[in-house]
Amino acid sequence: MVATVKQWLAATSEEFLAHPRRAIWAGAILLGLVAVMAVLVPAGPLHIDRSWAEGVGEAPLLKDVALGFNWLGRGIGRTLSVAAIGVILLRRRRWLALVAFAGAETLAPLCSSSLKALVDRPRPPDGLVHAAGASFPSGHAAYAGATCVALVLLFTRLGPERRYWWTLAALTIAGMAWSRTYLRVHWLTDVIAGSLLGVGVSLLVFATAQELTRGRGRED
């Protein structure tokens, strides 16, 4: 049984990251920052939260974009996007990638929901869409952070050209974060924490999976 597990780990080994141990540290630091924010964030908005909310403004086109992000990060939109990625990995028989992706997509919302219950921060008033639960951190932003990082690690090659995909991922995460503040369902610090949480979880999960399989491969 042990030999079978070792063989499976060695056979499914993948190179998601050039420096997985650095990614583990980076992910842990990001999650540590979120934990610090959870302890220090007040029930009400900070000055930076109020200033950002006052400067967002309104425009029909921007609202449509924000609503698109809202749809993608919840319910059917979220389920379809996660399922599509899972099906692609399943059809390609990328078992370790599928396990790591499932782990990241499970841990990110779990951590987000747990922090919401612990911090219990009220949402901004007069939200443009209905949002359930507490405000800190943003579950949409956590989903975007975890999923965008996972997409880069899963479907792009290691090398200098990956920087362009990292830029696109960062812009998408920022877009999701912006949309939550535009729709007045989160404060700025909520979406910052959510983004850091999602990115941190994905880095930690994928890097740990890579290190474990590489270690097993060397033992064999």
Protein backbone atom coordinates (compact mmCIF):
# COMPACT_ATOMS: atom_id res chain seq x y z
CA MET A 1 0.00 0.00 0.00
CA VAL A 2 2.79 2.42 0.96
CA ALA A 3 4.73 1.54 -2.18
CA THR A 4 1.63 2.14 -4.30
CA VAL A 5 1.10 5.58 -2.77
CA LYS A 6 4.76 6.48 -3.37
CA GLN A 7 4.51 5.35 -6.99
CA TRP A 8 1.35 7.40 -7.50
CA LEU A 9 2.95 10.49 -5.97
CA ALA A 10 6.04 10.13 -8.15
CA ALA A 11 3.97 9.52 -11.29
CA THR A 12 1.74 12.52 -10.72
CA SER A 13 4.51 14.98 -9.87
CA GLU A 14 4.13 18.36 -11.60
CA GLU A 15 6.18 21.54 -11.73
CA PHE A 16 3.74 24.28 -10.83
CA LEU A 17 6.40 26.63 -9.50
CA ALA A 18 10.10 27.18 -10.06
CA HIS A 19 10.70 27.73 -6.34
CA PRO A 20 7.96 25.96 -4.36
CA ARG A 21 9.58 26.53 -0.98
CA ARG A 22 9.62 30.27 -1.56
CA ALA A 23 5.98 30.07 -2.57
CA ILE A 24 5.16 28.23 0.66
CA TRP A 25 6.76 31.04 2.65
CA ALA A 26 5.03 33.68 0.54
CA GLY A 27 1.65 32.00 1.00
CA ALA A 28 2.18 31.69 4.75
CA ILE A 29 3.15 35.37 5.02
CA LEU A 30 0.06 36.45 3.09
CA LEU A 31 -2.19 34.38 5.33
CA GLY A 32 -0.40 35.81 8.34
CA LEU A 33 -1.17 39.33 7.11
CA VAL A 34 -4.83 38.42 6.74
CA ALA A 35 -4.84 37.06 10.31
CA VAL A 36 -3.32 40.32 11.58
CA MET A 37 -5.93 42.32 9.68
CA ALA A 38 -8.68 40.17 11.16
CA VAL A 39 -7.45 41.00 14.66
CA LEU A 40 -6.93 44.72 14.05
CA VAL A 41 -9.80 45.65 11.73
CA PRO A 42 -12.53 47.59 13.56
CA ALA A 43 -16.24 46.89 13.29
CA GLY A 44 -16.74 50.17 11.42
CA PRO A 45 -14.91 51.44 8.33
CA LEU A 46 -11.43 52.93 8.50
CA HIS A 47 -10.66 56.34 7.05
CA ILE A 48 -9.23 54.68 3.93
CA ASP A 49 -12.44 52.67 3.54
CA ARG A 50 -14.61 55.80 3.65
CA SER A 51 -12.33 57.73 1.29
CA TRP A 52 -12.35 54.90 -1.24
CA ALA A 53 -16.12 54.48 -1.04
CA GLU A 54 -16.67 58.19 -1.60
CA GLY A 55 -14.39 58.24 -4.63
CA VAL A 56 -15.77 55.21 -6.47
CA GLY A 57 -18.56 57.06 -8.30
CA GLU A 58 -21.23 55.55 -10.53
CA ALA A 59 -21.67 54.87 -14.25
CA PRO A 60 -24.01 52.47 -16.12
CA LEU A 61 -21.17 50.71 -17.95
CA LEU A 62 -19.13 50.28 -14.77
CA LYS A 63 -22.16 48.88 -13.00
CA ASP A 64 -22.60 46.27 -15.74
CA VAL A 65 -18.96 45.25 -15.38
CA ALA A 66 -19.31 45.03 -11.61
CA LEU A 67 -22.46 42.93 -11.95
CA GLY A 68 -20.58 40.61 -14.32
CA PHE A 69 -17.91 40.06 -11.68
CA ASN A 70 -20.67 39.56 -9.10
CA TRP A 71 -22.24 36.81 -11.21
CA LEU A 72 -18.92 35.10 -11.84
CA GLY A 73 -18.05 34.95 -8.15
CA ARG A 74 -21.23 33.39 -6.83
CA GLY A 75 -23.85 30.72 -7.49
CA ILE A 76 -24.06 29.36 -11.03
CA GLY A 77 -21.21 31.48 -12.38
CA ARG A 78 -18.78 30.30 -9.75
CA THR A 79 -19.91 26.68 -9.96
CA LEU A 80 -19.59 26.58 -13.74
CA SER A 81 -16.13 28.14 -13.77
CA VAL A 82 -14.75 25.81 -11.10
CA ALA A 83 -16.41 22.77 -12.68
CA ALA A 84 -15.02 23.64 -16.14
CA ILE A 85 -11.46 23.80 -14.81
CA GLY A 86 -11.97 20.54 -12.91
CA VAL A 87 -13.30 18.76 -16.01
CA ILE A 88 -10.30 19.89 -18.09
CA LEU A 89 -7.88 18.56 -15.48
CA LEU A 90 -9.87 15.33 -15.19
CA ARG A 91 -9.88 14.74 -18.95
CA ARG A 92 -6.14 15.34 -19.08
CA ARG A 93 -5.63 12.94 -16.15
CA ARG A 94 -3.71 15.56 -14.21
CA TRP A 95 -4.55 14.02 -10.87
CA LEU A 96 -2.20 16.01 -8.66
CA ALA A 97 -3.29 19.25 -10.34
CA LEU A 98 -6.93 18.30 -9.78
CA VAL A 99 -6.34 17.53 -6.10
CA ALA A 100 -4.42 20.78 -5.57
CA PHE A 101 -7.07 22.82 -7.38
CA ALA A 102 -9.85 21.21 -5.38
CA GLY A 103 -7.91 21.87 -2.20
CA ALA A 104 -7.41 25.54 -2.99
CA GLU A 105 -11.04 26.04 -4.01
CA THR A 106 -12.19 24.36 -0.81
CA LEU A 107 -9.83 26.03 1.65
CA ALA A 108 -10.27 29.59 0.35
CA PRO A 109 -14.05 29.81 0.99
CA LEU A 110 -13.69 27.82 4.21
CA CYS A 111 -11.14 30.28 5.59
CA SER A 112 -13.20 33.22 4.34
CA SER A 113 -16.39 31.96 5.98
CA SER A 114 -14.58 31.25 9.24
CA LEU A 115 -13.12 34.74 9.39
CA LYS A 116 -16.49 36.29 8.55
CA ALA A 117 -18.00 34.50 11.55
CA LEU A 118 -15.13 35.49 13.84
CA VAL A 119 -14.82 39.16 12.83
CA ASP A 120 -18.53 39.76 12.13
CA ARG A 121 -17.94 43.14 10.49
CA PRO A 122 -21.06 44.93 9.22
CA ARG A 123 -21.33 45.57 5.49
CA PRO A 124 -21.50 49.06 3.99
CA PRO A 125 -24.98 50.58 3.87
CA ASP A 126 -27.09 50.78 0.70
CA GLY A 127 -25.51 47.92 -1.24
CA LEU A 128 -26.48 47.71 -4.92
CA VAL A 129 -26.89 43.91 -4.73
CA HIS A 130 -27.98 41.56 -1.99
CA ALA A 131 -25.09 40.10 -0.01
CA ALA A 132 -25.45 37.66 2.87
CA GLY A 133 -23.13 37.31 5.83
CA ALA A 134 -20.51 39.58 7.34
CA SER A 135 -18.23 41.90 5.41
CA PHE A 136 -14.67 40.86 6.32
CA PRO A 137 -13.09 39.36 4.27
CA SER A 138 -14.60 39.40 0.79
CA GLY A 139 -15.46 35.89 -0.37
CA HIS A 140 -15.60 37.04 -3.99
CA ALA A 141 -12.10 38.49 -3.74
CA ALA A 142 -10.82 35.31 -2.07
CA TYR A 143 -12.33 33.24 -4.89
CA ALA A 144 -10.72 35.47 -7.52
CA GLY A 145 -7.33 35.34 -5.80
CA ALA A 146 -7.35 31.57 -5.41
CA THR A 147 -8.69 30.84 -8.89
CA CYS A 148 -6.54 33.29 -10.86
CA VAL A 149 -3.35 32.05 -9.20
CA ALA A 150 -4.44 28.46 -9.81
CA LEU A 151 -5.06 29.16 -13.52
CA VAL A 152 -1.58 30.55 -13.99
CA LEU A 153 0.03 27.64 -12.15
CA LEU A 154 -2.06 25.04 -13.97
CA PHE A 155 -2.06 26.23 -17.57
CA THR A 156 1.09 28.30 -18.20
CA ARG A 157 4.69 27.18 -18.52
CA LEU A 158 7.49 28.14 -16.22
CA GLY A 159 9.60 30.92 -17.67
CA PRO A 160 9.76 34.65 -18.37
CA GLU A 161 6.58 34.63 -20.48
CA ARG A 162 4.59 33.70 -17.36
CA ARG A 163 4.95 37.28 -16.11
CA TYR A 164 2.34 38.40 -18.63
CA TRP A 165 -0.14 35.86 -17.27
CA TRP A 166 0.65 36.99 -13.72
CA THR A 167 -0.14 40.55 -14.80
CA LEU A 168 -3.47 39.44 -16.27
CA ALA A 169 -4.25 37.48 -13.09
CA ALA A 170 -3.44 40.52 -10.93
CA LEU A 171 -5.70 42.74 -13.04
CA THR A 172 -8.55 40.23 -12.78
CA ILE A 173 -8.18 39.98 -9.01
CA ALA A 174 -8.09 43.76 -8.77
CA GLY A 175 -11.19 43.95 -10.98
CA MET A 176 -13.11 41.61 -8.70
CA ALA A 177 -11.97 43.55 -5.64
CA TRP A 178 -12.99 46.86 -7.22
CA SER A 179 -16.41 45.46 -8.19
CA ARG A 180 -17.25 44.57 -4.60
CA THR A 181 -16.56 48.11 -3.43
CA TYR A 182 -18.38 49.60 -6.44
CA LEU A 183 -21.48 47.57 -5.57
CA ARG A 184 -21.14 48.80 -1.96
CA VAL A 185 -21.13 45.35 -0.42
CA HIS A 186 -17.56 45.51 0.93
CA TRP A 187 -15.12 48.01 2.34
CA LEU A 188 -11.70 48.39 0.71
CA THR A 189 -9.95 46.56 3.55
CA ASP A 190 -12.39 43.65 3.12
CA VAL A 191 -11.40 43.09 -0.50
CA ILE A 192 -7.69 43.54 0.20
CA ALA A 193 -7.88 40.84 2.87
CA GLY A 194 -9.94 38.57 0.62
CA SER A 195 -7.51 38.91 -2.27
CA LEU A 196 -4.50 38.17 -0.03
CA LEU A 197 -6.33 35.20 1.44
CA GLY A 198 -7.12 33.62 -1.93
CA VAL A 199 -3.63 34.17 -3.34
CA GLY A 200 -2.02 32.88 -0.16
CA VAL A 201 -4.11 29.72 -0.08
CA SER A 202 -3.40 28.85 -3.72
CA LEU A 203 0.34 29.41 -3.40
CA LEU A 204 0.50 27.35 -0.23
CA VAL A 205 -1.57 24.45 -1.57
CA PHE A 206 0.11 24.14 -4.96
CA ALA A 207 3.62 24.60 -3.60
CA THR A 208 3.04 22.05 -0.84
CA ALA A 209 1.62 19.53 -3.32
CA GLN A 210 4.67 19.98 -5.54
CA GLU A 211 7.11 19.63 -2.66
CA LEU A 212 5.42 16.49 -1.35
CA THR A 213 5.52 14.71 -4.70
CA ARG A 214 9.09 15.81 -5.42
CA GLY A 215 10.15 14.54 -2.03
CA ARG A 216 8.48 11.17 -2.59
CA GLY A 217 10.09 10.92 -5.99
CA ARG A 218 13.57 11.44 -4.52
CA GLU A 219 12.91 8.79 -1.83
CA ASP A 220 12.04 6.20 -4.48
